[in-house]
Amino acid sequence: MTAEQPQHLQYRTALGASSLESITLLGTDLARDVMGTVGFGELAFWLATQRRPTPGETRVFEAVLAALADHGFTPTAIVTRLTYLSAPDSIQGALAAGLLGGGSRFLGVTEDCGRFLHDVLTSVDGDLPDDDAGWDALALETVTAQRAAGRFVPGLGHHVHKQGDPRTPRLFEIAAEERLVGPHLQLFAAIGRTHEQVLGKRLPLNGAGVCGAALADLGLPMELLRGFALLARTAGLIGQLAEELRHPVANDVFLSVDLNNRPVDPDPFVPAPLRGAGPQG
């Protein structure tokens, strides 16, 4: 230890810590008070907030995890299976490949929608609405502003569930049963009621978006919303790998591309000309 380093370093944490006799977690004895007593969803919420959730909060949170766990052969599932095909000795690599694909088009919508709704709510001057008419007015103003700026409304629309995402009404129902419909869900519901007036067409509120609204209403950090989506999808990707072990399809996916490619002439990239820029030389 150099002279510049402090003699007694301490790293404070309320999470896991071990001694010779025990392991503590969140101020409790892990073996005695958590294992076999606290469910994984409840524990994940507790770890993120360092407060134990109520039964209602746990139910809504776990409903979100269930909604996001798996949605079929999405890019995240396909890349996980293909990575396992390439490196069957690296389960962690296959899982990581799928999780790294959680972005603005798949999984990331949960974070994008939660943040979007939160930004709208925190920008309101004065009190938030207290009835549907007030929420509808705020939603109409919000969608109009997005349309004028040429931006999409996160959580609005779905490439498959064009007539309605079955996860959305169910999550609203569960949140209502637990009396946990807060301002984020109320604004999201109002966007669903009013957007057609601005966009000229009706789009569904998608499941990833309503999950973001529900997580935000639970008071979870905006910075972690995508993390919860990835937590859920990890379980789904493990399921994808388990099925791949028993009923493999990754090699068929690979061969369908490999055996059906065709050579074409090069298509050179030409950058768009800069406005007002003339030839040099």
C-alpha atoms as a PDB file:
ATOM      1  CA  MET A   1       0.000   0.000   0.000  1.00  0.00           C
ATOM      2  CA  THR A   2       1.441   3.360  -1.053  1.00  0.00           C
ATOM      3  CA  ALA A   3       1.602   6.423   1.181  1.00  0.00           C
ATOM      4  CA  GLU A   4      -1.142   8.090  -0.895  1.00  0.00           C
ATOM      5  CA  GLN A   5      -3.698   5.340  -0.251  1.00  0.00           C
ATOM      6  CA  PRO A   6      -5.949   5.487   2.828  1.00  0.00           C
ATOM      7  CA  GLN A   7      -5.088   3.017   5.548  1.00  0.00           C
ATOM      8  CA  HIS A   8      -8.642   1.768   6.173  1.00  0.00           C
ATOM      9  CA  LEU A   9     -10.684   1.423   2.998  1.00  0.00           C
ATOM     10  CA  GLN A  10     -14.399   0.743   3.376  1.00  0.00           C
ATOM     11  CA  TYR A  11     -16.915  -0.024   0.647  1.00  0.00           C
ATOM     12  CA  ARG A  12     -20.419   0.396   1.981  1.00  0.00           C
ATOM     13  CA  THR A  13     -23.224  -1.762   0.569  1.00  0.00           C
ATOM     14  CA  ALA A  14     -26.693  -2.764   1.673  1.00  0.00           C
ATOM     15  CA  LEU A  15     -26.599  -5.732  -0.694  1.00  0.00           C
ATOM     16  CA  GLY A  16     -24.756  -9.019  -0.270  1.00  0.00           C
ATOM     17  CA  ALA A  17     -21.981  -9.304   2.298  1.00  0.00           C
ATOM     18  CA  SER A  18     -20.345 -12.377   3.798  1.00  0.00           C
ATOM     19  CA  SER A  19     -18.757 -13.216   7.105  1.00  0.00           C
ATOM     20  CA  LEU A  20     -17.321 -16.463   8.397  1.00  0.00           C
ATOM     21  CA  GLU A  21     -20.701 -17.497   9.802  1.00  0.00           C
ATOM     22  CA  SER A  22     -23.352 -15.921   7.578  1.00  0.00           C
ATOM     23  CA  ILE A  23     -24.374 -14.074   4.423  1.00  0.00           C
ATOM     24  CA  THR A  24     -26.464 -10.947   4.739  1.00  0.00           C
ATOM     25  CA  LEU A  25     -28.611  -9.479   1.978  1.00  0.00           C
ATOM     26  CA  LEU A  26     -30.640  -6.291   2.243  1.00  0.00           C
ATOM     27  CA  GLY A  27     -30.300  -6.300   5.995  1.00  0.00           C
ATOM     28  CA  THR A  28     -31.526  -9.863   6.383  1.00  0.00           C
ATOM     29  CA  ASP A  29     -29.940 -13.259   6.801  1.00  0.00           C
ATOM     30  CA  LEU A  30     -29.912 -14.765   3.317  1.00  0.00           C
ATOM     31  CA  ALA A  31     -30.188 -18.413   4.329  1.00  0.00           C
ATOM     32  CA  ARG A  32     -32.725 -17.933   7.120  1.00  0.00           C
ATOM     33  CA  ASP A  33     -34.912 -15.041   5.907  1.00  0.00           C
ATOM     34  CA  VAL A  34     -34.738 -15.063   2.092  1.00  0.00           C
ATOM     35  CA  MET A  35     -34.120 -18.545   0.730  1.00  0.00           C
ATOM     36  CA  GLY A  36     -37.381 -20.470   0.462  1.00  0.00           C
ATOM     37  CA  THR A  37     -39.336 -17.418   1.620  1.00  0.00           C
ATOM     38  CA  VAL A  38     -38.863 -14.630  -0.936  1.00  0.00           C
ATOM     39  CA  GLY A  39     -39.717 -15.254  -4.587  1.00  0.00           C
ATOM     40  CA  PHE A  40     -37.265 -14.248  -7.286  1.00  0.00           C
ATOM     41  CA  GLY A  41     -39.457 -11.469  -8.701  1.00  0.00           C
ATOM     42  CA  GLU A  42     -39.957  -9.973  -5.259  1.00  0.00           C
ATOM     43  CA  LEU A  43     -36.224 -10.209  -4.616  1.00  0.00           C
ATOM     44  CA  ALA A  44     -35.358  -8.514  -7.926  1.00  0.00           C
ATOM     45  CA  PHE A  45     -37.634  -5.585  -7.025  1.00  0.00           C
ATOM     46  CA  TRP A  46     -36.170  -5.453  -3.529  1.00  0.00           C
ATOM     47  CA  LEU A  47     -32.597  -5.459  -4.840  1.00  0.00           C
ATOM     48  CA  ALA A  48     -33.312  -2.606  -7.246  1.00  0.00           C
ATOM     49  CA  THR A  49     -35.136  -0.366  -4.766  1.00  0.00           C
ATOM     50  CA  GLN A  50     -33.729  -1.573  -1.429  1.00  0.00           C
ATOM     51  CA  ARG A  51     -37.283  -1.632  -0.109  1.00  0.00           C
ATOM     52  CA  ARG A  52     -39.428  -4.725   0.078  1.00  0.00           C
ATOM     53  CA  PRO A  53     -42.398  -4.470  -2.312  1.00  0.00           C
ATOM     54  CA  THR A  54     -45.971  -4.927  -1.212  1.00  0.00           C
ATOM     55  CA  PRO A  55     -47.819  -8.020  -2.430  1.00  0.00           C
ATOM     56  CA  GLY A  56     -49.633  -5.864  -4.996  1.00  0.00           C
ATOM     57  CA  GLU A  57     -46.403  -4.363  -6.295  1.00  0.00           C
ATOM     58  CA  THR A  58     -44.894  -7.830  -6.541  1.00  0.00           C
ATOM     59  CA  ARG A  59     -47.882  -9.068  -8.548  1.00  0.00           C
ATOM     60  CA  VAL A  60     -47.695  -6.202 -11.044  1.00  0.00           C
ATOM     61  CA  PHE A  61     -43.904  -6.490 -11.315  1.00  0.00           C
ATOM     62  CA  GLU A  62     -44.028 -10.232 -11.922  1.00  0.00           C
ATOM     63  CA  ALA A  63     -46.815  -9.758 -14.479  1.00  0.00           C
ATOM     64  CA  VAL A  64     -44.457  -7.437 -16.358  1.00  0.00           C
ATOM     65  CA  LEU A  65     -41.673 -10.030 -16.218  1.00  0.00           C
ATOM     66  CA  ALA A  66     -44.040 -12.686 -17.551  1.00  0.00           C
ATOM     67  CA  ALA A  67     -45.225 -10.387 -20.356  1.00  0.00           C
ATOM     68  CA  LEU A  68     -41.679  -9.743 -21.548  1.00  0.00           C
ATOM     69  CA  ALA A  69     -40.097 -13.172 -21.067  1.00  0.00           C
ATOM     70  CA  ASP A  70     -40.627 -14.568 -24.550  1.00  0.00           C
ATOM     71  CA  HIS A  71     -42.380 -13.541 -27.742  1.00  0.00           C
ATOM     72  CA  GLY A  72     -41.396 -16.251 -30.188  1.00  0.00           C
ATOM     73  CA  PHE A  73     -38.700 -16.158 -32.852  1.00  0.00           C
ATOM     74  CA  THR A  74     -37.701 -12.551 -32.352  1.00  0.00           C
ATOM     75  CA  PRO A  75     -34.198 -11.432 -33.391  1.00  0.00           C
ATOM     76  CA  THR A  76     -33.003 -11.863 -29.800  1.00  0.00           C
ATOM     77  CA  ALA A  77     -34.182 -15.486 -29.763  1.00  0.00           C
ATOM     78  CA  ILE A  78     -32.774 -16.255 -33.225  1.00  0.00           C
ATOM     79  CA  VAL A  79     -29.343 -14.820 -32.465  1.00  0.00           C
ATOM     80  CA  THR A  80     -29.214 -16.756 -29.193  1.00  0.00           C
ATOM     81  CA  ARG A  81     -29.918 -20.025 -31.014  1.00  0.00           C
ATOM     82  CA  LEU A  82     -27.442 -19.220 -33.806  1.00  0.00           C
ATOM     83  CA  THR A  83     -24.716 -18.264 -31.344  1.00  0.00           C
ATOM     84  CA  TYR A  84     -25.234 -21.535 -29.508  1.00  0.00           C
ATOM     85  CA  LEU A  85     -24.985 -23.350 -32.870  1.00  0.00           C
ATOM     86  CA  SER A  86     -21.643 -21.656 -33.466  1.00  0.00           C
ATOM     87  CA  ALA A  87     -20.310 -22.003 -29.915  1.00  0.00           C
ATOM     88  CA  PRO A  88     -22.149 -24.728 -27.976  1.00  0.00           C
ATOM     89  CA  ASP A  89     -19.456 -24.508 -25.313  1.00  0.00           C
ATOM     90  CA  SER A  90     -20.546 -20.943 -24.461  1.00  0.00           C
ATOM     91  CA  ILE A  91     -24.029 -20.776 -22.960  1.00  0.00           C
ATOM     92  CA  GLN A  92     -23.149 -17.384 -21.544  1.00  0.00           C
ATOM     93  CA  GLY A  93     -22.152 -16.186 -25.006  1.00  0.00           C
ATOM     94  CA  ALA A  94     -25.469 -17.301 -26.496  1.00  0.00           C
ATOM     95  CA  LEU A  95     -27.435 -15.586 -23.741  1.00  0.00           C
ATOM     96  CA  ALA A  96     -25.328 -12.448 -23.987  1.00  0.00           C
ATOM     97  CA  ALA A  97     -25.825 -12.307 -27.760  1.00  0.00           C
ATOM     98  CA  GLY A  98     -29.581 -12.272 -27.321  1.00  0.00           C
ATOM     99  CA  LEU A  99     -29.502  -9.707 -24.538  1.00  0.00           C
ATOM    100  CA  LEU A 100     -27.239  -7.395 -26.530  1.00  0.00           C
ATOM    101  CA  GLY A 101     -29.969  -7.243 -29.170  1.00  0.00           C
ATOM    102  CA  GLY A 102     -32.405  -5.618 -26.735  1.00  0.00           C
ATOM    103  CA  GLY A 103     -32.706  -2.202 -28.347  1.00  0.00           C
ATOM    104  CA  SER A 104     -35.111   0.386 -29.670  1.00  0.00           C
ATOM    105  CA  ARG A 105     -37.123  -2.085 -31.777  1.00  0.00           C
ATOM    106  CA  PHE A 106     -37.241  -5.069 -29.424  1.00  0.00           C
ATOM    107  CA  LEU A 107     -37.298  -4.886 -25.604  1.00  0.00           C
ATOM    108  CA  GLY A 108     -35.992  -1.323 -25.461  1.00  0.00           C
ATOM    109  CA  VAL A 109     -39.523  -0.028 -26.052  1.00  0.00           C
ATOM    110  CA  THR A 110     -40.214  -0.739 -22.385  1.00  0.00           C
ATOM    111  CA  GLU A 111     -37.615   1.816 -21.349  1.00  0.00           C
ATOM    112  CA  ASP A 112     -38.418   4.228 -24.174  1.00  0.00           C
ATOM    113  CA  CYS A 113     -42.118   4.336 -23.324  1.00  0.00           C
ATOM    114  CA  GLY A 114     -41.573   4.666 -19.585  1.00  0.00           C
ATOM    115  CA  ARG A 115     -39.084   7.509 -20.060  1.00  0.00           C
ATOM    116  CA  PHE A 116     -41.297   9.235 -22.630  1.00  0.00           C
ATOM    117  CA  LEU A 117     -44.342   9.193 -20.360  1.00  0.00           C
ATOM    118  CA  HIS A 118     -42.244  10.322 -17.403  1.00  0.00           C
ATOM    119  CA  ASP A 119     -40.796  13.239 -19.374  1.00  0.00           C
ATOM    120  CA  VAL A 120     -44.298  14.358 -20.344  1.00  0.00           C
ATOM    121  CA  LEU A 121     -45.570  14.118 -16.775  1.00  0.00           C
ATOM    122  CA  THR A 122     -42.635  16.007 -15.271  1.00  0.00           C
ATOM    123  CA  SER A 123     -43.038  18.788 -17.830  1.00  0.00           C
ATOM    124  CA  VAL A 124     -46.657  19.494 -16.885  1.00  0.00           C
ATOM    125  CA  ASP A 125     -47.040  22.959 -15.399  1.00  0.00           C
ATOM    126  CA  GLY A 126     -49.253  22.582 -12.346  1.00  0.00           C
ATOM    127  CA  ASP A 127     -51.214  19.611 -11.089  1.00  0.00           C
ATOM    128  CA  LEU A 128     -51.699  16.459 -13.124  1.00  0.00           C
ATOM    129  CA  PRO A 129     -55.200  15.687 -14.456  1.00  0.00           C
ATOM    130  CA  ASP A 130     -57.710  14.102 -12.107  1.00  0.00           C
ATOM    131  CA  ASP A 131     -60.233  12.753 -14.626  1.00  0.00           C
ATOM    132  CA  ASP A 132     -60.330  11.101 -18.056  1.00  0.00           C
ATOM    133  CA  ALA A 133     -61.122  14.370 -19.809  1.00  0.00           C
ATOM    134  CA  GLY A 134     -57.984  15.956 -18.392  1.00  0.00           C
ATOM    135  CA  TRP A 135     -55.824  12.973 -19.295  1.00  0.00           C
ATOM    136  CA  ASP A 136     -57.276  12.922 -22.809  1.00  0.00           C
ATOM    137  CA  ALA A 137     -56.436  16.599 -23.267  1.00  0.00           C
ATOM    138  CA  LEU A 138     -52.854  16.014 -22.134  1.00  0.00           C
ATOM    139  CA  ALA A 139     -52.560  12.936 -24.375  1.00  0.00           C
ATOM    140  CA  LEU A 140     -53.912  14.835 -27.373  1.00  0.00           C
ATOM    141  CA  GLU A 141     -51.403  17.618 -26.799  1.00  0.00           C
ATOM    142  CA  THR A 142     -48.603  15.059 -26.426  1.00  0.00           C
ATOM    143  CA  VAL A 143     -49.390  13.111 -29.603  1.00  0.00           C
ATOM    144  CA  THR A 144     -49.855  16.335 -31.559  1.00  0.00           C
ATOM    145  CA  ALA A 145     -46.436  17.567 -30.478  1.00  0.00           C
ATOM    146  CA  GLN A 146     -44.799  14.261 -31.427  1.00  0.00           C
ATOM    147  CA  ARG A 147     -46.478  14.320 -34.832  1.00  0.00           C
ATOM    148  CA  ALA A 148     -45.371  17.898 -35.465  1.00  0.00           C
ATOM    149  CA  ALA A 149     -41.793  16.984 -34.567  1.00  0.00           C
ATOM    150  CA  GLY A 150     -41.857  13.950 -36.868  1.00  0.00           C
ATOM    151  CA  ARG A 151     -41.357  11.522 -33.992  1.00  0.00           C
ATOM    152  CA  PHE A 152     -43.167   8.301 -33.113  1.00  0.00           C
ATOM    153  CA  VAL A 153     -44.949   7.790 -29.807  1.00  0.00           C
ATOM    154  CA  PRO A 154     -43.111   4.945 -28.002  1.00  0.00           C
ATOM    155  CA  GLY A 155     -45.372   2.013 -27.225  1.00  0.00           C
ATOM    156  CA  LEU A 156     -47.887   2.825 -29.958  1.00  0.00           C
ATOM    157  CA  GLY A 157     -48.297   0.164 -32.656  1.00  0.00           C
ATOM    158  CA  HIS A 158     -47.183  -3.459 -33.079  1.00  0.00           C
ATOM    159  CA  HIS A 159     -45.923  -5.345 -36.135  1.00  0.00           C
ATOM    160  CA  VAL A 160     -47.986  -8.466 -35.327  1.00  0.00           C
ATOM    161  CA  HIS A 161     -50.810  -7.494 -32.949  1.00  0.00           C
ATOM    162  CA  LYS A 162     -52.330  -4.878 -35.228  1.00  0.00           C
ATOM    163  CA  GLN A 163     -55.811  -5.291 -33.736  1.00  0.00           C
ATOM    164  CA  GLY A 164     -54.628  -5.158 -30.130  1.00  0.00           C
ATOM    165  CA  ASP A 165     -51.851  -6.623 -28.011  1.00  0.00           C
ATOM    166  CA  PRO A 166     -53.423  -9.160 -25.600  1.00  0.00           C
ATOM    167  CA  ARG A 167     -50.884  -8.289 -22.898  1.00  0.00           C
ATOM    168  CA  THR A 168     -52.014  -4.674 -22.669  1.00  0.00           C
ATOM    169  CA  PRO A 169     -55.573  -4.967 -21.293  1.00  0.00           C
ATOM    170  CA  ARG A 170     -54.474  -7.730 -18.931  1.00  0.00           C
ATOM    171  CA  LEU A 171     -51.728  -5.640 -17.379  1.00  0.00           C
ATOM    172  CA  PHE A 172     -54.091  -2.684 -17.001  1.00  0.00           C
ATOM    173  CA  GLU A 173     -56.534  -5.078 -15.318  1.00  0.00           C
ATOM    174  CA  ILE A 174     -53.942  -6.419 -12.873  1.00  0.00           C
ATOM    175  CA  ALA A 175     -52.729  -2.908 -11.998  1.00  0.00           C
ATOM    176  CA  ALA A 176     -56.326  -1.803 -11.402  1.00  0.00           C
ATOM    177  CA  GLU A 177     -57.014  -4.813  -9.173  1.00  0.00           C
ATOM    178  CA  GLU A 178     -53.988  -3.879  -7.069  1.00  0.00           C
ATOM    179  CA  ARG A 179     -54.888  -0.153  -7.127  1.00  0.00           C
ATOM    180  CA  LEU A 180     -51.574   0.633  -8.810  1.00  0.00           C
ATOM    181  CA  VAL A 181     -52.777   2.494 -11.880  1.00  0.00           C
ATOM    182  CA  GLY A 182     -50.682   5.634 -11.550  1.00  0.00           C
ATOM    183  CA  PRO A 183     -50.112   8.637 -13.812  1.00  0.00           C
ATOM    184  CA  HIS A 184     -47.914   6.812 -16.328  1.00  0.00           C
ATOM    185  CA  LEU A 185     -50.551   4.174 -17.023  1.00  0.00           C
ATOM    186  CA  GLN A 186     -53.299   6.806 -17.046  1.00  0.00           C
ATOM    187  CA  LEU A 187     -51.466   8.890 -19.639  1.00  0.00           C
ATOM    188  CA  PHE A 188     -50.686   5.802 -21.728  1.00  0.00           C
ATOM    189  CA  ALA A 189     -54.351   4.759 -21.670  1.00  0.00           C
ATOM    190  CA  ALA A 190     -55.362   8.272 -22.745  1.00  0.00           C
ATOM    191  CA  ILE A 191     -52.895   8.120 -25.645  1.00  0.00           C
ATOM    192  CA  GLY A 192     -54.645   4.931 -26.695  1.00  0.00           C
ATOM    193  CA  ARG A 193     -58.009   6.721 -26.635  1.00  0.00           C
ATOM    194  CA  THR A 194     -56.975   9.892 -28.466  1.00  0.00           C
ATOM    195  CA  HIS A 195     -54.122   9.245 -30.916  1.00  0.00           C
ATOM    196  CA  GLU A 196     -56.463   8.447 -33.812  1.00  0.00           C
ATOM    197  CA  GLN A 197     -57.653  12.060 -33.823  1.00  0.00           C
ATOM    198  CA  VAL A 198     -54.109  13.170 -34.664  1.00  0.00           C
ATOM    199  CA  LEU A 199     -52.701  10.268 -36.666  1.00  0.00           C
ATOM    200  CA  GLY A 200     -55.834   9.463 -38.649  1.00  0.00           C
ATOM    201  CA  LYS A 201     -55.533   5.757 -37.880  1.00  0.00           C
ATOM    202  CA  ARG A 202     -55.928   3.510 -34.893  1.00  0.00           C
ATOM    203  CA  LEU A 203     -52.874   1.740 -33.501  1.00  0.00           C
ATOM    204  CA  PRO A 204     -52.684  -0.667 -30.549  1.00  0.00           C
ATOM    205  CA  LEU A 205     -50.895   0.095 -27.309  1.00  0.00           C
ATOM    206  CA  ASN A 206     -48.230  -2.586 -27.320  1.00  0.00           C
ATOM    207  CA  GLY A 207     -47.273  -4.842 -24.443  1.00  0.00           C
ATOM    208  CA  ALA A 208     -43.709  -3.580 -24.113  1.00  0.00           C
ATOM    209  CA  GLY A 209     -45.002  -0.030 -23.790  1.00  0.00           C
ATOM    210  CA  VAL A 210     -47.586  -0.810 -21.130  1.00  0.00           C
ATOM    211  CA  CYS A 211     -44.885  -2.693 -19.226  1.00  0.00           C
ATOM    212  CA  GLY A 212     -42.763   0.460 -19.209  1.00  0.00           C
ATOM    213  CA  ALA A 213     -45.697   2.502 -17.931  1.00  0.00           C
ATOM    214  CA  ALA A 214     -46.420  -0.047 -15.191  1.00  0.00           C
ATOM    215  CA  LEU A 215     -42.779  -0.181 -14.074  1.00  0.00           C
ATOM    216  CA  ALA A 216     -42.653   3.619 -13.942  1.00  0.00           C
ATOM    217  CA  ASP A 217     -45.812   3.683 -11.813  1.00  0.00           C
ATOM    218  CA  LEU A 218     -44.126   1.251  -9.412  1.00  0.00           C
ATOM    219  CA  GLY A 219     -41.515   3.948  -8.787  1.00  0.00           C
ATOM    220  CA  LEU A 220     -38.636   1.997 -10.300  1.00  0.00           C
ATOM    221  CA  PRO A 221     -35.649   3.983 -11.597  1.00  0.00           C
ATOM    222  CA  MET A 222     -36.028   5.094 -15.216  1.00  0.00           C
ATOM    223  CA  GLU A 223     -32.393   4.148 -15.805  1.00  0.00           C
ATOM    224  CA  LEU A 224     -33.158   0.500 -14.983  1.00  0.00           C
ATOM    225  CA  LEU A 225     -36.344  -0.058 -17.003  1.00  0.00           C
ATOM    226  CA  ARG A 226     -34.504  -1.782 -19.845  1.00  0.00           C
ATOM    227  CA  GLY A 227     -32.663  -3.862 -17.275  1.00  0.00           C
ATOM    228  CA  PHE A 228     -35.940  -5.326 -16.052  1.00  0.00           C
ATOM    229  CA  ALA A 229     -36.925  -6.144 -19.630  1.00  0.00           C
ATOM    230  CA  LEU A 230     -33.583  -7.916 -20.056  1.00  0.00           C
ATOM    231  CA  LEU A 231     -34.094  -9.741 -16.772  1.00  0.00           C
ATOM    232  CA  ALA A 232     -37.388 -11.089 -18.097  1.00  0.00           C
ATOM    233  CA  ARG A 233     -35.965 -11.967 -21.490  1.00  0.00           C
ATOM    234  CA  THR A 234     -33.093 -13.901 -19.885  1.00  0.00           C
ATOM    235  CA  ALA A 235     -35.635 -16.471 -18.721  1.00  0.00           C
ATOM    236  CA  GLY A 236     -37.099 -16.593 -22.221  1.00  0.00           C
ATOM    237  CA  LEU A 237     -33.698 -17.068 -23.836  1.00  0.00           C
ATOM    238  CA  ILE A 238     -32.914 -19.925 -21.460  1.00  0.00           C
ATOM    239  CA  GLY A 239     -36.166 -21.455 -22.656  1.00  0.00           C
ATOM    240  CA  GLN A 240     -35.110 -20.931 -26.276  1.00  0.00           C
ATOM    241  CA  LEU A 241     -31.821 -22.721 -25.592  1.00  0.00           C
ATOM    242  CA  ALA A 242     -33.565 -25.541 -23.748  1.00  0.00           C
ATOM    243  CA  GLU A 243     -35.828 -26.086 -26.744  1.00  0.00           C
ATOM    244  CA  GLU A 244     -32.875 -25.814 -29.139  1.00  0.00           C
ATOM    245  CA  LEU A 245     -31.164 -28.650 -27.256  1.00  0.00           C
ATOM    246  CA  ARG A 246     -34.171 -30.936 -27.742  1.00  0.00           C
ATOM    247  CA  HIS A 247     -35.585 -29.693 -31.056  1.00  0.00           C
ATOM    248  CA  PRO A 248     -32.840 -27.800 -32.897  1.00  0.00           C
ATOM    249  CA  VAL A 249     -33.748 -25.317 -35.636  1.00  0.00           C
ATOM    250  CA  ALA A 250     -30.691 -23.028 -35.681  1.00  0.00           C
ATOM    251  CA  ASN A 251     -28.889 -25.094 -38.317  1.00  0.00           C
ATOM    252  CA  ASP A 252     -31.942 -24.916 -40.573  1.00  0.00           C
ATOM    253  CA  VAL A 253     -32.005 -21.125 -40.177  1.00  0.00           C
ATOM    254  CA  PHE A 254     -28.311 -20.958 -41.035  1.00  0.00           C
ATOM    255  CA  LEU A 255     -28.615 -23.256 -44.050  1.00  0.00           C
ATOM    256  CA  SER A 256     -31.683 -21.434 -45.389  1.00  0.00           C
ATOM    257  CA  VAL A 257     -29.557 -18.311 -45.681  1.00  0.00           C
ATOM    258  CA  ASP A 258     -26.304 -19.975 -46.681  1.00  0.00           C
ATOM    259  CA  LEU A 259     -27.819 -22.105 -49.458  1.00  0.00           C
ATOM    260  CA  ASN A 260     -30.041 -19.365 -50.843  1.00  0.00           C
ATOM    261  CA  ASN A 261     -27.655 -16.471 -51.188  1.00  0.00           C
ATOM    262  CA  ARG A 262     -26.781 -15.269 -54.677  1.00  0.00           C
ATOM    263  CA  PRO A 263     -23.911 -13.106 -55.928  1.00  0.00           C
ATOM    264  CA  VAL A 264     -24.746  -9.656 -57.298  1.00  0.00           C
ATOM    265  CA  ASP A 265     -22.703  -6.838 -58.699  1.00  0.00           C
ATOM    266  CA  PRO A 266     -21.181  -4.425 -56.168  1.00  0.00           C
ATOM    267  CA  ASP A 267     -23.335  -1.450 -55.244  1.00  0.00           C
ATOM    268  CA  PRO A 268     -20.796   1.277 -54.382  1.00  0.00           C
ATOM    269  CA  PHE A 269     -21.721   3.693 -51.644  1.00  0.00           C
ATOM    270  CA  VAL A 270     -21.987   7.310 -52.798  1.00  0.00           C
ATOM    271  CA  PRO A 271     -22.429   9.878 -50.029  1.00  0.00           C
ATOM    272  CA  ALA A 272     -25.148  12.464 -50.461  1.00  0.00           C
ATOM    273  CA  PRO A 273     -23.771  15.830 -51.588  1.00  0.00           C
ATOM    274  CA  LEU A 274     -23.509  18.525 -48.943  1.00  0.00           C
ATOM    275  CA  ARG A 275     -25.794  21.454 -49.564  1.00  0.00           C
ATOM    276  CA  GLY A 276     -23.957  24.336 -51.238  1.00  0.00           C
ATOM    277  CA  ALA A 277     -20.679  22.424 -51.544  1.00  0.00           C
ATOM    278  CA  GLY A 278     -19.027  22.725 -54.948  1.00  0.00           C
ATOM    279  CA  PRO A 279     -16.248  20.670 -56.531  1.00  0.00           C
ATOM    280  CA  GLN A 280     -12.806  21.073 -55.027  1.00  0.00           C
ATOM    281  CA  GLY A 281      -9.418  21.173 -56.790  1.00  0.00           C
END
